[in-house]
C-alpha cells in the first residue's frame, strides 16, 4: 500500500495516476461500481491495472511507450533554426539539403521540415523574403496585372 501511495504522491502522468488511484481504491475495499463512478473508468480498466500492479508493482502502472528518439539533437535543431533565421529567402528543398549535408538526416515526413520552419517563425506555405520592402510601383504594376 505504501508503494502505491508514494507513486501517487510523486505526481505521475495523469494516465498513470488514474491507474494507480483505481488500484489503490480496490486495495482499500472500494467496489468496482464506486471506483467506476468516481474515476469514470470501466470495470475492465480496474481489473487490468490491479492485475498489472500485482504482477509488476508500480512499474506495471507506468506508460510503456516513451516515444521515439528525434532525428536531430537539441543542439542540431538550434543550429538549423539559427541558419533559417539568418537566410533572406527560404525554400523547402534548401532546408532538406542543408539538414542532409550537415547531419546526414532525411526526415520521413515533410511535416518535420515544416515544424522547423514554424519554430523559426517562418511561414512554410510559400517561399518568402525576409523583411522585403514594399515597393509601391511594383505593387501598382501587380494590381494592374490582376
N, C-alpha and C. Protein backbone atom coordinates (compact mmCIF):
# COMPACT_ATOMS: atom_id res chain seq x y z
N UNK A 1 0.82 -1.20 0.00
CA UNK A 1 0.00 0.00 0.00
C UNK A 1 0.86 1.25 0.00
N UNK A 2 1.97 1.21 0.73
CA UNK A 2 2.84 2.37 0.83
C UNK A 2 3.48 2.69 -0.52
N UNK A 3 3.82 1.63 -1.26
CA UNK A 3 4.45 1.81 -2.58
C UNK A 3 3.54 2.59 -3.52
N UNK A 4 2.28 2.23 -3.55
CA UNK A 4 1.35 2.91 -4.45
C UNK A 4 1.05 4.33 -3.96
N UNK A 5 0.99 4.54 -2.65
CA UNK A 5 0.76 5.88 -2.11
C UNK A 5 1.93 6.80 -2.47
N UNK A 6 3.15 6.30 -2.39
CA UNK A 6 4.33 7.08 -2.76
C UNK A 6 4.29 7.43 -4.24
N UNK A 7 3.88 6.46 -5.07
CA UNK A 7 3.79 6.69 -6.51
C UNK A 7 2.76 7.78 -6.82
N UNK A 8 1.60 7.72 -6.18
CA UNK A 8 0.55 8.72 -6.39
C UNK A 8 1.05 10.10 -5.97
N UNK A 9 1.75 10.17 -4.86
CA UNK A 9 2.27 11.45 -4.36
C UNK A 9 3.37 12.02 -5.25
N UNK A 10 4.00 11.17 -6.07
CA UNK A 10 5.10 11.64 -6.94
C UNK A 10 4.59 12.40 -8.16
N UNK A 11 3.28 12.55 -8.27
CA UNK A 11 2.66 13.30 -9.35
C UNK A 11 3.00 12.73 -10.73
N UNK A 12 2.61 11.47 -10.99
CA UNK A 12 2.90 10.86 -12.28
C UNK A 12 2.01 11.42 -13.39
N UNK A 13 2.22 10.95 -14.59
CA UNK A 13 1.39 11.28 -15.74
C UNK A 13 -0.08 11.04 -15.36
N UNK A 14 -1.02 11.86 -15.83
CA UNK A 14 -2.43 11.68 -15.46
C UNK A 14 -2.98 10.28 -15.76
N UNK A 15 -2.52 9.66 -16.83
CA UNK A 15 -2.99 8.30 -17.15
C UNK A 15 -2.47 7.31 -16.12
N UNK A 16 -1.21 7.48 -15.73
CA UNK A 16 -0.64 6.60 -14.70
C UNK A 16 -1.33 6.85 -13.36
N UNK A 17 -1.64 8.11 -13.07
CA UNK A 17 -2.30 8.46 -11.82
C UNK A 17 -3.66 7.79 -11.72
N UNK A 18 -4.42 7.82 -12.80
CA UNK A 18 -5.75 7.20 -12.79
C UNK A 18 -5.63 5.70 -12.54
N UNK A 19 -4.63 5.08 -13.16
CA UNK A 19 -4.41 3.65 -12.94
C UNK A 19 -4.10 3.38 -11.47
N UNK A 20 -3.19 4.18 -10.92
CA UNK A 20 -2.77 3.99 -9.52
C UNK A 20 -3.93 4.23 -8.56
N UNK A 21 -4.73 5.24 -8.83
CA UNK A 21 -5.88 5.52 -7.96
C UNK A 21 -6.88 4.37 -7.99
N UNK A 22 -7.12 3.81 -9.17
CA UNK A 22 -8.06 2.69 -9.28
C UNK A 22 -7.55 1.50 -8.47
N UNK A 23 -6.26 1.21 -8.58
CA UNK A 23 -5.68 0.09 -7.82
C UNK A 23 -5.74 0.38 -6.33
N UNK A 24 -5.35 1.58 -5.94
CA UNK A 24 -5.35 1.96 -4.53
C UNK A 24 -6.75 1.83 -3.93
N UNK A 25 -7.74 2.26 -4.67
CA UNK A 25 -9.11 2.19 -4.17
C UNK A 25 -9.58 0.75 -4.01
N UNK A 26 -9.20 -0.13 -4.95
CA UNK A 26 -9.60 -1.53 -4.81
C UNK A 26 -8.93 -2.16 -3.59
N UNK A 27 -7.67 -1.80 -3.36
CA UNK A 27 -6.96 -2.34 -2.20
C UNK A 27 -7.54 -1.82 -0.89
N UNK A 28 -8.21 -0.68 -0.94
CA UNK A 28 -8.84 -0.12 0.27
C UNK A 28 -10.27 -0.61 0.45
N UNK A 29 -10.74 -1.44 -0.46
CA UNK A 29 -12.06 -2.03 -0.28
C UNK A 29 -13.19 -1.36 -1.03
N UNK A 30 -12.91 -0.39 -1.87
CA UNK A 30 -13.96 0.22 -2.69
C UNK A 30 -14.47 -0.82 -3.69
N UNK A 31 -15.74 -0.76 -4.02
CA UNK A 31 -16.29 -1.68 -5.02
C UNK A 31 -15.98 -1.13 -6.41
N UNK A 32 -16.09 -2.00 -7.40
CA UNK A 32 -15.87 -1.57 -8.78
C UNK A 32 -16.85 -0.46 -9.15
N UNK A 33 -18.07 -0.60 -8.71
CA UNK A 33 -19.10 0.40 -9.03
C UNK A 33 -18.72 1.77 -8.46
N UNK A 34 -18.23 1.81 -7.24
CA UNK A 34 -17.82 3.09 -6.63
C UNK A 34 -16.64 3.70 -7.39
N UNK A 35 -15.67 2.87 -7.75
CA UNK A 35 -14.49 3.36 -8.47
C UNK A 35 -14.90 3.84 -9.85
N UNK A 36 -15.76 3.09 -10.53
CA UNK A 36 -16.23 3.49 -11.86
C UNK A 36 -16.89 4.86 -11.81
N UNK A 37 -17.69 5.09 -10.81
CA UNK A 37 -18.40 6.36 -10.67
C UNK A 37 -17.43 7.50 -10.38
N UNK A 38 -16.50 7.28 -9.48
CA UNK A 38 -15.57 8.34 -9.08
C UNK A 38 -14.56 8.67 -10.17
N UNK A 39 -13.95 7.64 -10.76
CA UNK A 39 -12.87 7.86 -11.73
C UNK A 39 -13.33 7.85 -13.19
N UNK A 40 -14.59 7.50 -13.42
CA UNK A 40 -15.14 7.44 -14.78
C UNK A 40 -14.34 6.45 -15.64
N UNK A 41 -14.15 5.25 -15.13
CA UNK A 41 -13.44 4.18 -15.84
C UNK A 41 -14.33 2.95 -15.88
N UNK A 42 -13.92 1.97 -16.69
CA UNK A 42 -14.69 0.74 -16.79
C UNK A 42 -14.21 -0.28 -15.75
N UNK A 43 -15.02 -1.28 -15.55
CA UNK A 43 -14.66 -2.35 -14.64
C UNK A 43 -13.44 -3.10 -15.17
N UNK A 44 -13.37 -3.25 -16.50
CA UNK A 44 -12.22 -3.90 -17.12
C UNK A 44 -10.92 -3.13 -16.87
N UNK A 45 -11.01 -1.80 -16.91
CA UNK A 45 -9.85 -0.95 -16.62
C UNK A 45 -9.33 -1.23 -15.22
N UNK A 46 -10.23 -1.28 -14.27
CA UNK A 46 -9.86 -1.52 -12.87
C UNK A 46 -9.18 -2.87 -12.73
N UNK A 47 -9.78 -3.91 -13.30
CA UNK A 47 -9.22 -5.26 -13.21
C UNK A 47 -7.85 -5.35 -13.88
N UNK A 48 -7.74 -4.75 -15.07
CA UNK A 48 -6.48 -4.80 -15.82
C UNK A 48 -5.33 -4.20 -15.02
N UNK A 49 -5.54 -3.02 -14.45
CA UNK A 49 -4.45 -2.34 -13.76
C UNK A 49 -4.18 -2.91 -12.38
N UNK A 50 -5.20 -3.51 -11.77
CA UNK A 50 -4.95 -4.20 -10.49
C UNK A 50 -4.06 -5.41 -10.74
N UNK A 51 -4.35 -6.15 -11.80
CA UNK A 51 -3.54 -7.32 -12.16
C UNK A 51 -2.11 -6.90 -12.51
N UNK A 52 -1.96 -5.81 -13.27
CA UNK A 52 -0.63 -5.31 -13.63
C UNK A 52 0.16 -4.94 -12.38
N UNK A 53 -0.52 -4.35 -11.41
CA UNK A 53 0.14 -3.96 -10.16
C UNK A 53 0.56 -5.20 -9.37
N UNK A 54 -0.30 -6.19 -9.31
CA UNK A 54 0.01 -7.42 -8.57
C UNK A 54 1.24 -8.11 -9.19
N UNK A 55 1.30 -8.13 -10.51
CA UNK A 55 2.41 -8.81 -11.19
C UNK A 55 3.72 -8.02 -11.18
N UNK A 56 3.63 -6.68 -11.36
CA UNK A 56 4.85 -5.87 -11.55
C UNK A 56 5.00 -4.70 -10.60
N UNK A 57 4.12 -4.57 -9.65
CA UNK A 57 4.20 -3.43 -8.74
C UNK A 57 3.90 -2.12 -9.46
N UNK A 58 4.44 -1.05 -8.97
CA UNK A 58 4.21 0.28 -9.55
C UNK A 58 4.69 0.34 -11.00
N UNK A 59 5.75 -0.37 -11.33
CA UNK A 59 6.27 -0.38 -12.71
C UNK A 59 5.21 -0.84 -13.70
N UNK A 60 4.31 -1.72 -13.27
CA UNK A 60 3.25 -2.20 -14.13
C UNK A 60 2.21 -1.15 -14.46
N UNK A 61 2.17 -0.06 -13.70
CA UNK A 61 1.20 1.01 -13.93
C UNK A 61 1.75 2.11 -14.83
N UNK A 62 3.04 2.09 -15.06
CA UNK A 62 3.67 3.16 -15.84
C UNK A 62 3.45 2.97 -17.33
N UNK A 63 3.50 4.09 -18.05
CA UNK A 63 3.36 4.06 -19.50
C UNK A 63 4.53 3.30 -20.10
N UNK A 64 4.24 2.41 -21.02
CA UNK A 64 5.31 1.61 -21.62
C UNK A 64 5.97 2.34 -22.78
N UNK A 65 5.19 3.05 -23.58
CA UNK A 65 5.75 3.73 -24.75
C UNK A 65 6.29 5.09 -24.34
N UNK A 66 7.55 5.35 -24.62
CA UNK A 66 8.17 6.62 -24.25
C UNK A 66 8.44 7.50 -25.44
N UNK A 67 7.95 7.14 -26.61
CA UNK A 67 8.18 7.94 -27.81
C UNK A 67 9.48 7.53 -28.49
N UNK A 68 9.64 8.00 -29.70
CA UNK A 68 10.85 7.66 -30.44
C UNK A 68 11.88 8.77 -30.27
N UNK A 69 13.12 8.42 -30.50
CA UNK A 69 14.21 9.39 -30.40
C UNK A 69 14.16 10.28 -31.63
N UNK A 70 14.32 11.57 -31.45
CA UNK A 70 14.29 12.51 -32.57
C UNK A 70 15.49 12.32 -33.48
N UNK A 71 15.35 12.73 -34.73
CA UNK A 71 16.44 12.62 -35.68
C UNK A 71 17.56 13.61 -35.38
N UNK A 72 17.19 14.80 -34.89
CA UNK A 72 18.17 15.83 -34.58
C UNK A 72 18.27 16.02 -33.08
N UNK A 73 19.48 16.28 -32.60
CA UNK A 73 19.64 16.62 -31.19
C UNK A 73 19.14 18.04 -30.97
N UNK A 74 18.99 18.43 -29.73
CA UNK A 74 18.54 19.80 -29.42
C UNK A 74 19.53 20.82 -29.98
N UNK A 75 20.80 20.54 -29.87
CA UNK A 75 21.83 21.46 -30.37
C UNK A 75 21.74 21.58 -31.89
N UNK A 76 21.56 20.45 -32.57
CA UNK A 76 21.44 20.47 -34.03
C UNK A 76 20.20 21.23 -34.48
N UNK A 77 19.11 21.04 -33.75
CA UNK A 77 17.87 21.73 -34.06
C UNK A 77 18.06 23.24 -33.93
N UNK A 78 18.75 23.68 -32.85
CA UNK A 78 19.02 25.10 -32.67
C UNK A 78 19.87 25.64 -33.81
N UNK A 79 20.83 24.83 -34.27
CA UNK A 79 21.69 25.24 -35.37
C UNK A 79 20.87 25.45 -36.65
N UNK A 80 19.96 24.52 -36.93
CA UNK A 80 19.11 24.63 -38.12
C UNK A 80 18.23 25.87 -38.02
N UNK A 81 17.63 26.11 -36.88
CA UNK A 81 16.76 27.27 -36.70
C UNK A 81 17.56 28.56 -36.85
N UNK A 82 18.77 28.59 -36.30
CA UNK A 82 19.64 29.76 -36.48
C UNK A 82 19.97 29.99 -37.94
N UNK A 83 20.25 28.91 -38.66
CA UNK A 83 20.55 29.00 -40.09
C UNK A 83 19.35 29.57 -40.85
N UNK A 84 18.17 29.08 -40.51
CA UNK A 84 16.96 29.58 -41.17
C UNK A 84 16.74 31.07 -40.90
N UNK A 85 16.95 31.48 -39.66
CA UNK A 85 16.72 32.88 -39.29
C UNK A 85 17.70 33.82 -39.97
N UNK A 86 18.87 33.33 -40.35
CA UNK A 86 19.87 34.18 -40.99
C UNK A 86 19.73 34.24 -42.51
N UNK A 87 18.86 33.44 -43.07
CA UNK A 87 18.65 33.45 -44.53
C UNK A 87 17.66 34.53 -44.92
N UNK A 88 17.84 35.06 -46.12
CA UNK A 88 16.91 36.07 -46.64
C UNK A 88 15.69 35.42 -47.28
N UNK A 89 15.89 34.28 -47.94
CA UNK A 89 14.80 33.55 -48.60
C UNK A 89 14.85 32.10 -48.16
N UNK A 90 13.68 31.46 -48.08
CA UNK A 90 13.62 30.08 -47.61
C UNK A 90 12.87 29.23 -48.62
N UNK A 91 13.40 28.05 -48.84
CA UNK A 91 12.71 27.08 -49.68
C UNK A 91 12.90 25.70 -49.05
N UNK A 92 11.88 24.89 -49.17
CA UNK A 92 11.88 23.57 -48.55
C UNK A 92 13.06 22.72 -49.00
N UNK A 93 13.32 22.70 -50.30
CA UNK A 93 14.40 21.84 -50.81
C UNK A 93 15.77 22.28 -50.26
N UNK A 94 15.95 23.58 -50.01
CA UNK A 94 17.20 24.05 -49.41
C UNK A 94 17.34 23.54 -47.97
N UNK A 95 16.25 23.58 -47.23
CA UNK A 95 16.27 23.08 -45.86
C UNK A 95 16.57 21.59 -45.84
N UNK A 96 15.93 20.83 -46.73
CA UNK A 96 16.19 19.40 -46.82
C UNK A 96 17.67 19.13 -47.12
N UNK A 97 18.22 19.87 -48.07
CA UNK A 97 19.62 19.71 -48.44
C UNK A 97 20.57 20.07 -47.30
N UNK A 98 20.27 21.16 -46.62
CA UNK A 98 21.11 21.61 -45.51
C UNK A 98 21.17 20.55 -44.40
N UNK A 99 20.02 20.03 -44.03
CA UNK A 99 19.96 19.03 -42.96
C UNK A 99 20.67 17.75 -43.39
N UNK A 100 20.52 17.37 -44.66
CA UNK A 100 21.18 16.17 -45.16
C UNK A 100 22.70 16.36 -45.16
N UNK A 101 23.17 17.49 -45.64
CA UNK A 101 24.62 17.75 -45.72
C UNK A 101 25.25 17.88 -44.34
N UNK A 102 24.59 18.61 -43.45
CA UNK A 102 25.16 18.89 -42.13
C UNK A 102 25.09 17.70 -41.17
N UNK A 103 23.96 16.98 -41.21
CA UNK A 103 23.72 15.96 -40.18
C UNK A 103 23.45 14.56 -40.73
N UNK A 104 23.36 14.44 -42.06
CA UNK A 104 23.09 13.13 -42.65
C UNK A 104 21.70 12.63 -42.33
N UNK A 105 20.75 13.55 -42.17
CA UNK A 105 19.39 13.19 -41.77
C UNK A 105 18.41 13.54 -42.88
N UNK A 106 17.53 12.60 -43.18
CA UNK A 106 16.41 12.84 -44.09
C UNK A 106 15.15 12.47 -43.31
N UNK A 107 14.29 13.44 -43.10
CA UNK A 107 13.06 13.18 -42.35
C UNK A 107 12.12 12.32 -43.18
N UNK A 108 11.38 11.46 -42.51
CA UNK A 108 10.43 10.58 -43.18
C UNK A 108 9.21 11.35 -43.68
N UNK A 109 8.86 12.43 -43.01
CA UNK A 109 7.68 13.21 -43.39
C UNK A 109 8.04 14.68 -43.55
N UNK A 110 7.44 15.31 -44.51
CA UNK A 110 7.69 16.74 -44.73
C UNK A 110 7.25 17.59 -43.55
N UNK A 111 6.32 17.09 -42.77
CA UNK A 111 5.83 17.85 -41.63
C UNK A 111 6.96 18.17 -40.65
N UNK A 112 8.00 17.35 -40.63
CA UNK A 112 9.14 17.61 -39.75
C UNK A 112 9.89 18.86 -40.20
N UNK A 113 10.01 19.04 -41.52
CA UNK A 113 10.65 20.24 -42.04
C UNK A 113 9.78 21.47 -41.77
N UNK A 114 8.47 21.30 -41.97
CA UNK A 114 7.55 22.40 -41.73
C UNK A 114 7.58 22.83 -40.26
N UNK A 115 7.74 21.85 -39.37
CA UNK A 115 7.82 22.16 -37.95
C UNK A 115 9.05 23.02 -37.65
N UNK A 116 10.15 22.76 -38.34
CA UNK A 116 11.36 23.58 -38.16
C UNK A 116 11.12 25.01 -38.66
N UNK A 117 10.46 25.14 -39.80
CA UNK A 117 10.10 26.47 -40.30
C UNK A 117 9.26 27.20 -39.25
N UNK A 118 8.28 26.49 -38.71
CA UNK A 118 7.38 27.09 -37.72
C UNK A 118 8.16 27.54 -36.49
N UNK A 119 9.07 26.70 -35.99
CA UNK A 119 9.85 27.06 -34.80
C UNK A 119 10.74 28.26 -35.05
N UNK A 120 11.15 28.45 -36.31
CA UNK A 120 11.99 29.60 -36.66
C UNK A 120 11.13 30.84 -36.93
N UNK A 121 9.80 30.68 -36.85
CA UNK A 121 8.91 31.82 -37.07
C UNK A 121 8.72 32.14 -38.54
N UNK A 122 8.83 31.13 -39.39
CA UNK A 122 8.75 31.32 -40.84
C UNK A 122 7.54 30.56 -41.37
N UNK A 123 6.76 31.21 -42.23
CA UNK A 123 5.64 30.54 -42.87
C UNK A 123 6.21 29.65 -43.97
N UNK A 124 5.84 28.39 -43.97
CA UNK A 124 6.34 27.47 -44.98
C UNK A 124 5.39 27.35 -46.15
N UNK A 125 4.29 28.08 -46.12
CA UNK A 125 3.29 27.97 -47.17
C UNK A 125 3.87 28.32 -48.54
N UNK A 126 4.79 29.27 -48.54
CA UNK A 126 5.45 29.64 -49.78
C UNK A 126 6.80 30.25 -49.43
N UNK A 127 7.66 30.26 -50.38
CA UNK A 127 8.96 30.87 -50.19
C UNK A 127 8.75 32.37 -50.02
N UNK A 128 9.49 32.99 -49.13
CA UNK A 128 9.27 34.40 -48.87
C UNK A 128 10.59 35.10 -48.57
N UNK A 129 10.59 36.38 -48.79
CA UNK A 129 11.77 37.18 -48.49
C UNK A 129 11.69 37.71 -47.08
N UNK A 130 12.83 37.83 -46.46
CA UNK A 130 12.90 38.36 -45.10
C UNK A 130 12.84 39.88 -45.17
N UNK A 131 11.87 40.48 -44.48
CA UNK A 131 11.71 41.92 -44.43
C UNK A 131 11.74 42.58 -45.81
N UNK A 132 11.02 41.98 -46.76
CA UNK A 132 11.03 42.57 -48.10
C UNK A 132 10.35 43.93 -48.06
N UNK A 133 11.04 44.97 -48.57
CA UNK A 133 10.48 46.32 -48.54
C UNK A 133 9.33 46.44 -49.52
N UNK A 134 8.36 47.24 -49.18
CA UNK A 134 7.22 47.45 -50.07
C UNK A 134 7.63 48.46 -51.14
N UNK A 135 7.42 48.08 -52.36
CA UNK A 135 7.72 48.96 -53.50
C UNK A 135 6.38 49.32 -54.12
N UNK A 136 5.95 50.53 -53.92
CA UNK A 136 4.62 50.95 -54.37
C UNK A 136 4.46 50.82 -55.88
N UNK A 137 5.53 51.07 -56.64
CA UNK A 137 5.45 50.97 -58.09
C UNK A 137 5.23 49.51 -58.51
N UNK A 138 5.97 48.59 -57.91
CA UNK A 138 5.81 47.17 -58.22
C UNK A 138 4.43 46.68 -57.81
N UNK A 139 3.95 47.16 -56.66
CA UNK A 139 2.61 46.76 -56.20
C UNK A 139 1.54 47.25 -57.16
N UNK A 140 1.70 48.47 -57.67
CA UNK A 140 0.72 49.02 -58.62
C UNK A 140 0.72 48.20 -59.90
N UNK A 141 1.91 47.81 -60.39
CA UNK A 141 2.01 47.01 -61.61
C UNK A 141 1.34 45.64 -61.39
N UNK A 142 1.56 45.06 -60.25
CA UNK A 142 0.97 43.75 -59.94
C UNK A 142 -0.55 43.84 -59.91
N UNK A 143 -1.06 44.94 -59.32
CA UNK A 143 -2.51 45.11 -59.25
C UNK A 143 -3.11 45.28 -60.63
N UNK A 144 -2.38 45.93 -61.55
CA UNK A 144 -2.87 46.10 -62.91
C UNK A 144 -2.95 44.76 -63.63
N UNK A 145 -1.99 43.87 -63.35
CA UNK A 145 -1.97 42.55 -63.98
C UNK A 145 -3.12 41.68 -63.49
N UNK A 146 -3.48 41.85 -62.22
CA UNK A 146 -4.54 41.03 -61.62
C UNK A 146 -5.84 41.56 -62.05
